[in-house]
Amino acid sequence: MSQSVSELKQRPEEGCYIHGLFLEGARWDPTAFQLAESRPKELYTEMAVIWLLPMPNRKIQNQAFYLCPIYKTLTRAGTLSTTGHSTNYVIAVEIPSNQPQRHWIKRGVALICALDY
């Protein structure tokens, strides 16, 4: 979303807004409206407001995004035997990007709910 949290006065008709997440391994570029490389010595950056709009059986249209995992904390250790995901894993969201997915995967880019737990 291009608006900040303070500018959003109503909830959406469908879905929900998510704010307060932090990006690890990349930053959000508000002018280009996409992921960008981290600046030097910048470990975590604040993510823009995300409009979460779940869709059942969604078909991927194009690859101009990074399927970014969201974790509860910085610790990504521990796996569930049923899914193989980390026990801190929440969900994955599509974030616009001009780089291929493997670019961000190699950098370990993820969204984090809480930096200190």
PDB file of N, CA and C in Angstrom:
ATOM      1  N   MET A   1       0.845  -1.179   0.000  1.00  0.00           N
ATOM      2  CA  MET A   1       0.000   0.000   0.000  1.00  0.00           C
ATOM      3  C   MET A   1       0.893   1.247   0.000  1.00  0.00           C
ATOM      4  N   SER A   2       0.453   2.253  -0.672  1.00  0.00           N
ATOM      5  CA  SER A   2       1.232   3.488  -0.716  1.00  0.00           C
ATOM      6  C   SER A   2       0.954   4.369   0.505  1.00  0.00           C
ATOM      7  N   GLN A   3      -0.171   4.123   1.202  1.00  0.00           N
ATOM      8  CA  GLN A   3      -0.501   4.916   2.383  1.00  0.00           C
ATOM      9  C   GLN A   3       0.203   4.366   3.621  1.00  0.00           C
ATOM     10  N   SER A   4       0.418   5.252   4.588  1.00  0.00           N
ATOM     11  CA  SER A   4       0.978   4.823   5.869  1.00  0.00           C
ATOM     12  C   SER A   4      -0.171   4.383   6.774  1.00  0.00           C
ATOM     13  N   VAL A   5       0.167   3.827   7.917  1.00  0.00           N
ATOM     14  CA  VAL A   5      -0.842   3.340   8.861  1.00  0.00           C
ATOM     15  C   VAL A   5      -1.738   4.478   9.320  1.00  0.00           C
ATOM     16  N   SER A   6      -1.161   5.648   9.568  1.00  0.00           N
ATOM     17  CA  SER A   6      -1.948   6.786  10.058  1.00  0.00           C
ATOM     18  C   SER A   6      -2.927   7.313   9.008  1.00  0.00           C
ATOM     19  N   GLU A   7      -2.655   7.071   7.732  1.00  0.00           N
ATOM     20  CA  GLU A   7      -3.544   7.543   6.664  1.00  0.00           C
ATOM     21  C   GLU A   7      -4.728   6.608   6.435  1.00  0.00           C
ATOM     22  N   LEU A   8      -4.636   5.388   6.891  1.00  0.00           N
ATOM     23  CA  LEU A   8      -5.716   4.424   6.700  1.00  0.00           C
ATOM     24  C   LEU A   8      -6.751   4.605   7.808  1.00  0.00           C
ATOM     25  N   LYS A   9      -7.913   5.078   7.436  1.00  0.00           N
ATOM     26  CA  LYS A   9      -8.962   5.377   8.422  1.00  0.00           C
ATOM     27  C   LYS A   9     -10.039   4.302   8.485  1.00  0.00           C
ATOM     28  N   GLN A  10     -10.163   3.493   7.441  1.00  0.00           N
ATOM     29  CA  GLN A  10     -11.194   2.453   7.408  1.00  0.00           C
ATOM     30  C   GLN A  10     -10.558   1.121   7.074  1.00  0.00           C
ATOM     31  N   ARG A  11     -11.216   0.054   7.482  1.00  0.00           N
ATOM     32  CA  ARG A  11     -10.733  -1.260   7.077  1.00  0.00           C
ATOM     33  C   ARG A  11     -11.237  -1.559   5.670  1.00  0.00           C
ATOM     34  N   PRO A  12     -10.551  -2.429   4.950  1.00  0.00           N
ATOM     35  CA  PRO A  12     -10.978  -2.729   3.575  1.00  0.00           C
ATOM     36  C   PRO A  12     -12.248  -3.574   3.571  1.00  0.00           C
ATOM     37  N   GLU A  13     -12.967  -3.530   2.448  1.00  0.00           N
ATOM     38  CA  GLU A  13     -14.183  -4.341   2.331  1.00  0.00           C
ATOM     39  C   GLU A  13     -13.846  -5.833   2.333  1.00  0.00           C
ATOM     40  N   GLU A  14     -12.710  -6.180   1.732  1.00  0.00           N
ATOM     41  CA  GLU A  14     -12.243  -7.570   1.723  1.00  0.00           C
ATOM     42  C   GLU A  14     -10.820  -7.622   2.226  1.00  0.00           C
ATOM     43  N   GLY A  15     -10.463  -8.704   2.903  1.00  0.00           N
ATOM     44  CA  GLY A  15      -9.098  -8.880   3.387  1.00  0.00           C
ATOM     45  C   GLY A  15      -8.821  -8.037   4.615  1.00  0.00           C
ATOM     46  N   CYS A  16      -7.530  -7.765   4.848  1.00  0.00           N
ATOM     47  CA  CYS A  16      -7.132  -6.951   5.993  1.00  0.00           C
ATOM     48  C   CYS A  16      -5.790  -6.283   5.706  1.00  0.00           C
ATOM     49  N   TYR A  17      -5.494  -5.234   6.478  1.00  0.00           N
ATOM     50  CA  TYR A  17      -4.215  -4.559   6.379  1.00  0.00           C
ATOM     51  C   TYR A  17      -3.274  -5.125   7.437  1.00  0.00           C
ATOM     52  N   ILE A  18      -2.014  -5.301   7.071  1.00  0.00           N
ATOM     53  CA  ILE A  18      -0.995  -5.774   7.998  1.00  0.00           C
ATOM     54  C   ILE A  18       0.093  -4.709   8.061  1.00  0.00           C
ATOM     55  N   HIS A  19       0.482  -4.343   9.281  1.00  0.00           N
ATOM     56  CA  HIS A  19       1.573  -3.387   9.435  1.00  0.00           C
ATOM     57  C   HIS A  19       2.422  -3.805  10.626  1.00  0.00           C
ATOM     58  N   GLY A  20       3.610  -3.226  10.729  1.00  0.00           N
ATOM     59  CA  GLY A  20       4.498  -3.539  11.837  1.00  0.00           C
ATOM     60  C   GLY A  20       5.471  -4.670  11.543  1.00  0.00           C
ATOM     61  N   LEU A  21       5.556  -5.103  10.293  1.00  0.00           N
ATOM     62  CA  LEU A  21       6.505  -6.157   9.929  1.00  0.00           C
ATOM     63  C   LEU A  21       7.855  -5.542   9.566  1.00  0.00           C
ATOM     64  N   PHE A  22       8.909  -6.351   9.686  1.00  0.00           N
ATOM     65  CA  PHE A  22      10.255  -5.907   9.357  1.00  0.00           C
ATOM     66  C   PHE A  22      10.842  -6.803   8.279  1.00  0.00           C
ATOM     67  N   LEU A  23      11.548  -6.202   7.332  1.00  0.00           N
ATOM     68  CA  LEU A  23      12.220  -6.942   6.270  1.00  0.00           C
ATOM     69  C   LEU A  23      13.645  -7.252   6.685  1.00  0.00           C
ATOM     70  N   GLU A  24      14.071  -8.481   6.492  1.00  0.00           N
ATOM     71  CA  GLU A  24      15.447  -8.877   6.742  1.00  0.00           C
ATOM     72  C   GLU A  24      16.074  -9.252   5.406  1.00  0.00           C
ATOM     73  N   GLY A  25      17.231  -8.674   5.096  1.00  0.00           N
ATOM     74  CA  GLY A  25      17.944  -9.015   3.866  1.00  0.00           C
ATOM     75  C   GLY A  25      17.592  -8.159   2.668  1.00  0.00           C
ATOM     76  N   ALA A  26      16.658  -7.246   2.819  1.00  0.00           N
ATOM     77  CA  ALA A  26      16.247  -6.351   1.734  1.00  0.00           C
ATOM     78  C   ALA A  26      15.531  -5.156   2.360  1.00  0.00           C
ATOM     79  N   ARG A  27      15.110  -4.234   1.510  1.00  0.00           N
ATOM     80  CA  ARG A  27      14.320  -3.100   1.996  1.00  0.00           C
ATOM     81  C   ARG A  27      13.185  -2.838   1.013  1.00  0.00           C
ATOM     82  N   TRP A  28      12.187  -2.120   1.466  1.00  0.00           N
ATOM     83  CA  TRP A  28      11.075  -1.740   0.609  1.00  0.00           C
ATOM     84  C   TRP A  28      11.370  -0.371   0.025  1.00  0.00           C
ATOM     85  N   ASP A  29      11.271  -0.266  -1.297  1.00  0.00           N
ATOM     86  CA  ASP A  29      11.480   1.007  -1.986  1.00  0.00           C
ATOM     87  C   ASP A  29      10.114   1.632  -2.267  1.00  0.00           C
ATOM     88  N   PRO A  30       9.721   2.657  -1.508  1.00  0.00           N
ATOM     89  CA  PRO A  30       8.386   3.231  -1.686  1.00  0.00           C
ATOM     90  C   PRO A  30       8.200   3.991  -2.999  1.00  0.00           C
ATOM     91  N   THR A  31       9.285   4.455  -3.610  1.00  0.00           N
ATOM     92  CA  THR A  31       9.145   5.178  -4.879  1.00  0.00           C
ATOM     93  C   THR A  31       8.957   4.212  -6.046  1.00  0.00           C
ATOM     94  N   ALA A  32       9.707   3.105  -6.048  1.00  0.00           N
ATOM     95  CA  ALA A  32       9.574   2.112  -7.117  1.00  0.00           C
ATOM     96  C   ALA A  32       8.493   1.087  -6.805  1.00  0.00           C
ATOM     97  N   PHE A  33       8.003   1.087  -5.553  1.00  0.00           N
ATOM     98  CA  PHE A  33       6.947   0.181  -5.101  1.00  0.00           C
ATOM     99  C   PHE A  33       7.348  -1.287  -5.291  1.00  0.00           C
ATOM    100  N   GLN A  34       8.584  -1.607  -4.845  1.00  0.00           N
ATOM    101  CA  GLN A  34       9.097  -2.978  -4.968  1.00  0.00           C
ATOM    102  C   GLN A  34      10.256  -3.203  -4.012  1.00  0.00           C
ATOM    103  N   LEU A  35      10.687  -4.458  -3.895  1.00  0.00           N
ATOM    104  CA  LEU A  35      11.845  -4.794  -3.078  1.00  0.00           C
ATOM    105  C   LEU A  35      13.097  -4.186  -3.672  1.00  0.00           C
ATOM    106  N   ALA A  36      14.037  -3.836  -2.802  1.00  0.00           N
ATOM    107  CA  ALA A  36      15.318  -3.286  -3.249  1.00  0.00           C
ATOM    108  C   ALA A  36      16.412  -3.845  -2.349  1.00  0.00           C
ATOM    109  N   GLU A  37      17.655  -3.712  -2.805  1.00  0.00           N
ATOM    110  CA  GLU A  37      18.796  -4.166  -2.018  1.00  0.00           C
ATOM    111  C   GLU A  37      18.891  -3.364  -0.720  1.00  0.00           C
ATOM    112  N   SER A  38      19.354  -4.022   0.334  1.00  0.00           N
ATOM    113  CA  SER A  38      19.561  -3.338   1.615  1.00  0.00           C
ATOM    114  C   SER A  38      20.656  -2.299   1.476  1.00  0.00           C
ATOM    115  N   ARG A  39      20.549  -1.267   2.271  1.00  0.00           N
ATOM    116  CA  ARG A  39      21.620  -0.271   2.326  1.00  0.00           C
ATOM    117  C   ARG A  39      22.727  -0.827   3.228  1.00  0.00           C
ATOM    118  N   PRO A  40      23.943  -0.319   3.107  1.00  0.00           N
ATOM    119  CA  PRO A  40      25.035  -0.799   3.965  1.00  0.00           C
ATOM    120  C   PRO A  40      24.707  -0.665   5.455  1.00  0.00           C
ATOM    121  N   LYS A  41      25.026  -1.697   6.218  1.00  0.00           N
ATOM    122  CA  LYS A  41      24.839  -1.756   7.674  1.00  0.00           C
ATOM    123  C   LYS A  41      23.380  -1.685   8.101  1.00  0.00           C
ATOM    124  N   GLU A  42      22.462  -2.001   7.225  1.00  0.00           N
ATOM    125  CA  GLU A  42      21.034  -1.985   7.524  1.00  0.00           C
ATOM    126  C   GLU A  42      20.552  -3.432   7.581  1.00  0.00           C
ATOM    127  N   LEU A  43      20.391  -3.971   8.781  1.00  0.00           N
ATOM    128  CA  LEU A  43      19.986  -5.370   8.921  1.00  0.00           C
ATOM    129  C   LEU A  43      18.494  -5.559   8.717  1.00  0.00           C
ATOM    130  N   TYR A  44      17.710  -4.689   9.335  1.00  0.00           N
ATOM    131  CA  TYR A  44      16.256  -4.812   9.268  1.00  0.00           C
ATOM    132  C   TYR A  44      15.660  -3.457   8.899  1.00  0.00           C
ATOM    133  N   THR A  45      14.633  -3.501   8.064  1.00  0.00           N
ATOM    134  CA  THR A  45      13.936  -2.266   7.688  1.00  0.00           C
ATOM    135  C   THR A  45      12.446  -2.477   7.865  1.00  0.00           C
ATOM    136  N   GLU A  46      11.745  -1.394   8.092  1.00  0.00           N
ATOM    137  CA  GLU A  46      10.300  -1.482   8.288  1.00  0.00           C
ATOM    138  C   GLU A  46       9.606  -1.685   6.941  1.00  0.00           C
ATOM    139  N   MET A  47       8.669  -2.602   6.926  1.00  0.00           N
ATOM    140  CA  MET A  47       7.912  -2.889   5.700  1.00  0.00           C
ATOM    141  C   MET A  47       6.700  -1.970   5.623  1.00  0.00           C
ATOM    142  N   ALA A  48       6.299  -1.638   4.416  1.00  0.00           N
ATOM    143  CA  ALA A  48       5.099  -0.830   4.197  1.00  0.00           C
ATOM    144  C   ALA A  48       3.863  -1.639   4.595  1.00  0.00           C
ATOM    145  N   VAL A  49       2.739  -0.974   4.667  1.00  0.00           N
ATOM    146  CA  VAL A  49       1.477  -1.646   4.977  1.00  0.00           C
ATOM    147  C   VAL A  49       1.147  -2.624   3.847  1.00  0.00           C
ATOM    148  N   ILE A  50       0.754  -3.831   4.215  1.00  0.00           N
ATOM    149  CA  ILE A  50       0.399  -4.865   3.239  1.00  0.00           C
ATOM    150  C   ILE A  50      -1.104  -5.086   3.297  1.00  0.00           C
ATOM    151  N   TRP A  51      -1.735  -5.111   2.143  1.00  0.00           N
ATOM    152  CA  TRP A  51      -3.156  -5.441   2.063  1.00  0.00           C
ATOM    153  C   TRP A  51      -3.233  -6.925   1.754  1.00  0.00           C
ATOM    154  N   LEU A  52      -3.603  -7.711   2.751  1.00  0.00           N
ATOM    155  CA  LEU A  52      -3.697  -9.158   2.591  1.00  0.00           C
ATOM    156  C   LEU A  52      -5.077  -9.489   2.046  1.00  0.00           C
ATOM    157  N   LEU A  53      -5.105 -10.015   0.836  1.00  0.00           N
ATOM    158  CA  LEU A  53      -6.351 -10.347   0.166  1.00  0.00           C
ATOM    159  C   LEU A  53      -6.295 -11.818  -0.251  1.00  0.00           C
ATOM    160  N   PRO A  54      -6.680 -12.725   0.654  1.00  0.00           N
ATOM    161  CA  PRO A  54      -6.612 -14.161   0.340  1.00  0.00           C
ATOM    162  C   PRO A  54      -7.555 -14.534  -0.798  1.00  0.00           C
ATOM    163  N   MET A  55      -7.090 -15.440  -1.657  1.00  0.00           N
ATOM    164  CA  MET A  55      -7.893 -15.928  -2.775  1.00  0.00           C
ATOM    165  C   MET A  55      -7.756 -17.440  -2.849  1.00  0.00           C
ATOM    166  N   PRO A  56      -8.855 -18.165  -2.842  1.00  0.00           N
ATOM    167  CA  PRO A  56      -8.771 -19.626  -2.946  1.00  0.00           C
ATOM    168  C   PRO A  56      -8.350 -20.062  -4.353  1.00  0.00           C
ATOM    169  N   ASN A  57      -7.473 -21.056  -4.409  1.00  0.00           N
ATOM    170  CA  ASN A  57      -7.030 -21.643  -5.679  1.00  0.00           C
ATOM    171  C   ASN A  57      -6.510 -20.589  -6.663  1.00  0.00           C
ATOM    172  N   ARG A  58      -5.731 -19.656  -6.161  1.00  0.00           N
ATOM    173  CA  ARG A  58      -5.201 -18.588  -7.006  1.00  0.00           C
ATOM    174  C   ARG A  58      -4.160 -19.135  -7.972  1.00  0.00           C
ATOM    175  N   LYS A  59      -4.282 -18.755  -9.221  1.00  0.00           N
ATOM    176  CA  LYS A  59      -3.314 -19.118 -10.253  1.00  0.00           C
ATOM    177  C   LYS A  59      -2.333 -17.971 -10.413  1.00  0.00           C
ATOM    178  N   ILE A  60      -1.054 -18.277 -10.414  1.00  0.00           N
ATOM    179  CA  ILE A  60      -0.022 -17.252 -10.554  1.00  0.00           C
ATOM    180  C   ILE A  60      -0.032 -16.721 -11.989  1.00  0.00           C
ATOM    181  N   GLN A  61      -0.181 -15.400 -12.125  1.00  0.00           N
ATOM    182  CA  GLN A  61      -0.273 -14.771 -13.443  1.00  0.00           C
ATOM    183  C   GLN A  61       1.102 -14.479 -14.042  1.00  0.00           C
ATOM    184  N   ASN A  62       1.968 -13.860 -13.243  1.00  0.00           N
ATOM    185  CA  ASN A  62       3.311 -13.534 -13.730  1.00  0.00           C
ATOM    186  C   ASN A  62       4.307 -13.750 -12.600  1.00  0.00           C
ATOM    187  N   GLN A  63       5.561 -13.589 -12.884  1.00  0.00           N
ATOM    188  CA  GLN A  63       6.604 -13.822 -11.881  1.00  0.00           C
ATOM    189  C   GLN A  63       7.260 -12.519 -11.440  1.00  0.00           C
ATOM    190  N   ALA A  64       6.557 -11.410 -11.509  1.00  0.00           N
ATOM    191  CA  ALA A  64       7.119 -10.118 -11.123  1.00  0.00           C
ATOM    192  C   ALA A  64       6.968  -9.871  -9.623  1.00  0.00           C
ATOM    193  N   PHE A  65       7.186 -10.922  -8.824  1.00  0.00           N
ATOM    194  CA  PHE A  65       7.095 -10.790  -7.385  1.00  0.00           C
ATOM    195  C   PHE A  65       8.000 -11.820  -6.716  1.00  0.00           C
ATOM    196  N   TYR A  66       8.230 -11.603  -5.421  1.00  0.00           N
ATOM    197  CA  TYR A  66       8.960 -12.560  -4.598  1.00  0.00           C
ATOM    198  C   TYR A  66       7.978 -13.125  -3.587  1.00  0.00           C
ATOM    199  N   LEU A  67       7.881 -14.427  -3.504  1.00  0.00           N
ATOM    200  CA  LEU A  67       7.011 -15.087  -2.540  1.00  0.00           C
ATOM    201  C   LEU A  67       7.762 -15.116  -1.208  1.00  0.00           C
ATOM    202  N   CYS A  68       7.511 -14.104  -0.395  1.00  0.00           N
ATOM    203  CA  CYS A  68       8.287 -13.842   0.823  1.00  0.00           C
ATOM    204  C   CYS A  68       7.665 -14.516   2.043  1.00  0.00           C
ATOM    205  N   PRO A  69       8.451 -15.328   2.765  1.00  0.00           N
ATOM    206  CA  PRO A  69       7.921 -15.953   3.983  1.00  0.00           C
ATOM    207  C   PRO A  69       7.851 -14.945   5.130  1.00  0.00           C
ATOM    208  N   ILE A  70       6.853 -15.125   5.999  1.00  0.00           N
ATOM    209  CA  ILE A  70       6.742 -14.323   7.213  1.00  0.00           C
ATOM    210  C   ILE A  70       7.005 -15.256   8.393  1.00  0.00           C
ATOM    211  N   TYR A  71       7.886 -14.814   9.292  1.00  0.00           N
ATOM    212  CA  TYR A  71       8.213 -15.577  10.496  1.00  0.00           C
ATOM    213  C   TYR A  71       7.828 -14.773  11.731  1.00  0.00           C
ATOM    214  N   LYS A  72       7.476 -15.472  12.809  1.00  0.00           N
ATOM    215  CA  LYS A  72       7.123 -14.797  14.067  1.00  0.00           C
ATOM    216  C   LYS A  72       8.328 -14.087  14.660  1.00  0.00           C
ATOM    217  N   THR A  73       9.464 -14.779  14.719  1.00  0.00           N
ATOM    218  CA  THR A  73      10.682 -14.217  15.306  1.00  0.00           C
ATOM    219  C   THR A  73      11.850 -14.412  14.354  1.00  0.00           C
ATOM    220  N   LEU A  74      13.010 -13.909  14.736  1.00  0.00           N
ATOM    221  CA  LEU A  74      14.211 -14.042  13.908  1.00  0.00           C
ATOM    222  C   LEU A  74      14.689 -15.482  13.801  1.00  0.00           C
ATOM    223  N   THR A  75      14.357 -16.310  14.785  1.00  0.00           N
ATOM    224  CA  THR A  75      14.788 -17.704  14.787  1.00  0.00           C
ATOM    225  C   THR A  75      13.964 -18.493  13.777  1.00  0.00           C
ATOM    226  N   ARG A  76      14.648 -19.093  12.812  1.00  0.00           N
ATOM    227  CA  ARG A  76      13.937 -19.876  11.799  1.00  0.00           C
ATOM    228  C   ARG A  76      14.151 -21.367  12.019  1.00  0.00           C
ATOM    229  N   ALA A  77      14.716 -21.737  13.151  1.00  0.00           N
ATOM    230  CA  ALA A  77      15.034 -23.141  13.445  1.00  0.00           C
ATOM    231  C   ALA A  77      13.788 -23.907  13.867  1.00  0.00           C
ATOM    232  N   GLY A  78      13.890 -25.228  13.808  1.00  0.00           N
ATOM    233  CA  GLY A  78      12.781 -26.100  14.202  1.00  0.00           C
ATOM    234  C   GLY A  78      11.830 -26.310  13.051  1.00  0.00           C
ATOM    235  N   THR A  79      11.509 -27.549  12.759  1.00  0.00           N
ATOM    236  CA  THR A  79      10.592 -27.820  11.659  1.00  0.00           C
ATOM    237  C   THR A  79       9.452 -28.710  12.126  1.00  0.00           C
ATOM    238  N   LEU A  80       8.306 -28.497  11.526  1.00  0.00           N
ATOM    239  CA  LEU A  80       7.156 -29.359  11.777  1.00  0.00           C
ATOM    240  C   LEU A  80       7.270 -30.577  10.878  1.00  0.00           C
ATOM    241  N   SER A  81       7.007 -31.737  11.423  1.00  0.00           N
ATOM    242  CA  SER A  81       7.118 -32.957  10.625  1.00  0.00           C
ATOM    243  C   SER A  81       6.026 -33.048   9.561  1.00  0.00           C
ATOM    244  N   THR A  82       4.909 -32.355   9.775  1.00  0.00           N
ATOM    245  CA  THR A  82       3.800 -32.447   8.819  1.00  0.00           C
ATOM    246  C   THR A  82       4.012 -31.592   7.575  1.00  0.00           C
ATOM    247  N   THR A  83       4.541 -30.360   7.748  1.00  0.00           N
ATOM    248  CA  THR A  83       4.690 -29.456   6.601  1.00  0.00           C
ATOM    249  C   THR A  83       6.135 -29.247   6.180  1.00  0.00           C
ATOM    250  N   GLY A  84       7.079 -29.461   7.094  1.00  0.00           N
ATOM    251  CA  GLY A  84       8.474 -29.203   6.789  1.00  0.00           C
ATOM    252  C   GLY A  84       8.867 -27.754   6.987  1.00  0.00           C
ATOM    253  N   HIS A  85       7.902 -26.883   7.342  1.00  0.00           N
ATOM    254  CA  HIS A  85       8.185 -25.464   7.579  1.00  0.00           C
ATOM    255  C   HIS A  85       8.694 -25.257   8.993  1.00  0.00           C
ATOM    256  N   SER A  86       9.325 -24.116   9.220  1.00  0.00           N
ATOM    257  CA  SER A  86       9.776 -23.735  10.551  1.00  0.00           C
ATOM    258  C   SER A  86       8.568 -23.563  11.463  1.00  0.00           C
ATOM    259  N   THR A  87       8.752 -23.830  12.749  1.00  0.00           N
ATOM    260  CA  THR A  87       7.660 -23.637  13.704  1.00  0.00           C
ATOM    261  C   THR A  87       7.349 -22.154  13.893  1.00  0.00           C
ATOM    262  N   ASN A  88       8.236 -21.275  13.434  1.00  0.00           N
ATOM    263  CA  ASN A  88       7.998 -19.832  13.485  1.00  0.00           C
ATOM    264  C   ASN A  88       7.370 -19.306  12.201  1.00  0.00           C
ATOM    265  N   TYR A  89       7.193 -20.156  11.224  1.00  0.00           N
ATOM    266  CA  TYR A  89       6.638 -19.757   9.925  1.00  0.00           C
ATOM    267  C   TYR A  89       5.166 -19.393  10.078  1.00  0.00           C
ATOM    268  N   VAL A  90       4.748 -18.291   9.455  1.00  0.00           N
ATOM    269  CA  VAL A  90       3.356 -17.857   9.521  1.00  0.00           C
ATOM    270  C   VAL A  90       2.661 -18.093   8.183  1.00  0.00           C
ATOM    271  N   ILE A  91       3.131 -17.409   7.142  1.00  0.00           N
ATOM    272  CA  ILE A  91       2.514 -17.465   5.809  1.00  0.00           C
ATOM    273  C   ILE A  91       3.505 -16.838   4.822  1.00  0.00           C
ATOM    274  N   ALA A  92       3.270 -17.002   3.551  1.00  0.00           N
ATOM    275  CA  ALA A  92       4.083 -16.336   2.524  1.00  0.00           C
ATOM    276  C   ALA A  92       3.210 -15.322   1.787  1.00  0.00           C
ATOM    277  N   VAL A  93       3.798 -14.170   1.475  1.00  0.00           N
ATOM    278  CA  VAL A  93       3.078 -13.127   0.750  1.00  0.00           C
ATOM    279  C   VAL A  93       3.850 -12.748  -0.506  1.00  0.00           C
ATOM    280  N   GLU A  94       3.140 -12.301  -1.513  1.00  0.00           N
ATOM    281  CA  GLU A  94       3.749 -11.872  -2.771  1.00  0.00           C
ATOM    282  C   GLU A  94       4.150 -10.405  -2.658  1.00  0.00           C
ATOM    283  N   ILE A  95       5.443 -10.134  -2.847  1.00  0.00           N
ATOM    284  CA  ILE A  95       5.951  -8.764  -2.795  1.00  0.00           C
ATOM    285  C   ILE A  95       6.505  -8.410  -4.173  1.00  0.00           C
ATOM    286  N   PRO A  96       6.079  -7.279  -4.755  1.00  0.00           N
ATOM    287  CA  PRO A  96       6.579  -6.891  -6.075  1.00  0.00           C
ATOM    288  C   PRO A  96       8.097  -6.784  -6.107  1.00  0.00           C
ATOM    289  N   SER A  97       8.689  -7.239  -7.233  1.00  0.00           N
ATOM    290  CA  SER A  97      10.135  -7.226  -7.388  1.00  0.00           C
ATOM    291  C   SER A  97      10.503  -7.235  -8.863  1.00  0.00           C
ATOM    292  N   ASN A  98      11.645  -6.632  -9.189  1.00  0.00           N
ATOM    293  CA  ASN A  98      12.140  -6.699 -10.568  1.00  0.00           C
ATOM    294  C   ASN A  98      13.244  -7.740 -10.700  1.00  0.00           C
ATOM    295  N   GLN A  99      13.545  -8.447  -9.609  1.00  0.00           N
ATOM    296  CA  GLN A  99      14.553  -9.511  -9.600  1.00  0.00           C
ATOM    297  C   GLN A  99      13.847 -10.867  -9.550  1.00  0.00           C
ATOM    298  N   PRO A 100      14.502 -11.915 -10.037  1.00  0.00           N
ATOM    299  CA  PRO A 100      13.900 -13.251  -9.934  1.00  0.00           C
ATOM    300  C   PRO A 100      13.878 -13.723  -8.470  1.00  0.00           C
ATOM    301  N   GLN A 101      13.039 -14.698  -8.178  1.00  0.00           N
ATOM    302  CA  GLN A 101      12.896 -15.202  -6.808  1.00  0.00           C
ATOM    303  C   GLN A 101      14.226 -15.681  -6.231  1.00  0.00           C
ATOM    304  N   ARG A 102      15.032 -16.370  -7.035  1.00  0.00           N
ATOM    305  CA  ARG A 102      16.288 -16.933  -6.526  1.00  0.00           C
ATOM    306  C   ARG A 102      17.229 -15.848  -5.995  1.00  0.00           C
ATOM    307  N   HIS A 103      17.138 -14.635  -6.547  1.00  0.00           N
ATOM    308  CA  HIS A 103      17.952 -13.507  -6.086  1.00  0.00           C
ATOM    309  C   HIS A 103      17.684 -13.228  -4.606  1.00  0.00           C
ATOM    310  N   TRP A 104      16.411 -13.167  -4.226  1.00  0.00           N
ATOM    311  CA  TRP A 104      16.039 -12.857  -2.847  1.00  0.00           C
ATOM    312  C   TRP A 104      16.202 -14.066  -1.941  1.00  0.00           C
ATOM    313  N   ILE A 105      16.018 -15.256  -2.478  1.00  0.00           N
ATOM    314  CA  ILE A 105      16.208 -16.473  -1.687  1.00  0.00           C
ATOM    315  C   ILE A 105      17.665 -16.579  -1.247  1.00  0.00           C
ATOM    316  N   LYS A 106      18.603 -16.291  -2.150  1.00  0.00           N
ATOM    317  CA  LYS A 106      20.028 -16.345  -1.805  1.00  0.00           C
ATOM    318  C   LYS A 106      20.385 -15.351  -0.701  1.00  0.00           C
ATOM    319  N   ARG A 107      19.671 -14.258  -0.611  1.00  0.00           N
ATOM    320  CA  ARG A 107      19.919 -13.252   0.420  1.00  0.00           C
ATOM    321  C   ARG A 107      19.171 -13.547   1.715  1.00  0.00           C
ATOM    322  N   GLY A 108      18.332 -14.566   1.695  1.00  0.00           N
ATOM    323  CA  GLY A 108      17.584 -14.935   2.891  1.00  0.00           C
ATOM    324  C   GLY A 108      16.539 -13.927   3.281  1.00  0.00           C
ATOM    325  N   VAL A 109      15.937 -13.281   2.291  1.00  0.00           N
ATOM    326  CA  VAL A 109      14.947 -12.243   2.565  1.00  0.00           C
ATOM    327  C   VAL A 109      13.687 -12.847   3.165  1.00  0.00           C
ATOM    328  N   ALA A 110      13.242 -12.249   4.265  1.00  0.00           N
ATOM    329  CA  ALA A 110      12.019 -12.693   4.944  1.00  0.00           C
ATOM    330  C   ALA A 110      11.406 -11.507   5.690  1.00  0.00           C
ATOM    331  N   LEU A 111      10.132 -11.614   5.975  1.00  0.00           N
ATOM    332  CA  LEU A 111       9.454 -10.646   6.814  1.00  0.00           C
ATOM    333  C   LEU A 111       9.402 -11.215   8.224  1.00  0.00           C
ATOM    334  N   ILE A 112       9.625 -10.363   9.218  1.00  0.00           N
ATOM    335  CA  ILE A 112       9.679 -10.778  10.613  1.00  0.00           C
ATOM    336  C   ILE A 112       8.617  -9.995  11.399  1.00  0.00           C
ATOM    337  N   CYS A 113       7.856 -10.711  12.225  1.00  0.00           N
ATOM    338  CA  CYS A 113       6.821 -10.054  13.039  1.00  0.00           C
ATOM    339  C   CYS A 113       7.403  -9.308  14.233  1.00  0.00           C
ATOM    340  N   ALA A 114       8.392  -9.927  14.909  1.00  0.00           N
ATOM    341  CA  ALA A 114       8.974  -9.310  16.118  1.00  0.00           C
ATOM    342  C   ALA A 114      10.482  -9.496  16.105  1.00  0.00           C
ATOM    343  N   LEU A 115      11.222  -8.404  16.235  1.00  0.00           N
ATOM    344  CA  LEU A 115      12.679  -8.484  16.264  1.00  0.00           C
ATOM    345  C   LEU A 115      13.173  -8.987  17.612  1.00  0.00           C
ATOM    346  N   ASP A 116      12.552  -8.560  18.698  1.00  0.00           N
ATOM    347  CA  ASP A 116      12.897  -9.034  20.046  1.00  0.00           C
ATOM    348  C   ASP A 116      11.705  -9.773  20.610  1.00  0.00           C
ATOM    349  N   TYR A 117      11.915 -10.998  20.996  1.00  0.00           N
ATOM    350  CA  TYR A 117      10.802 -11.795  21.507  1.00  0.00           C
ATOM    351  C   TYR A 117      11.073 -12.215  22.920  1.00  0.00           C
TER     352      TYR A 117
END
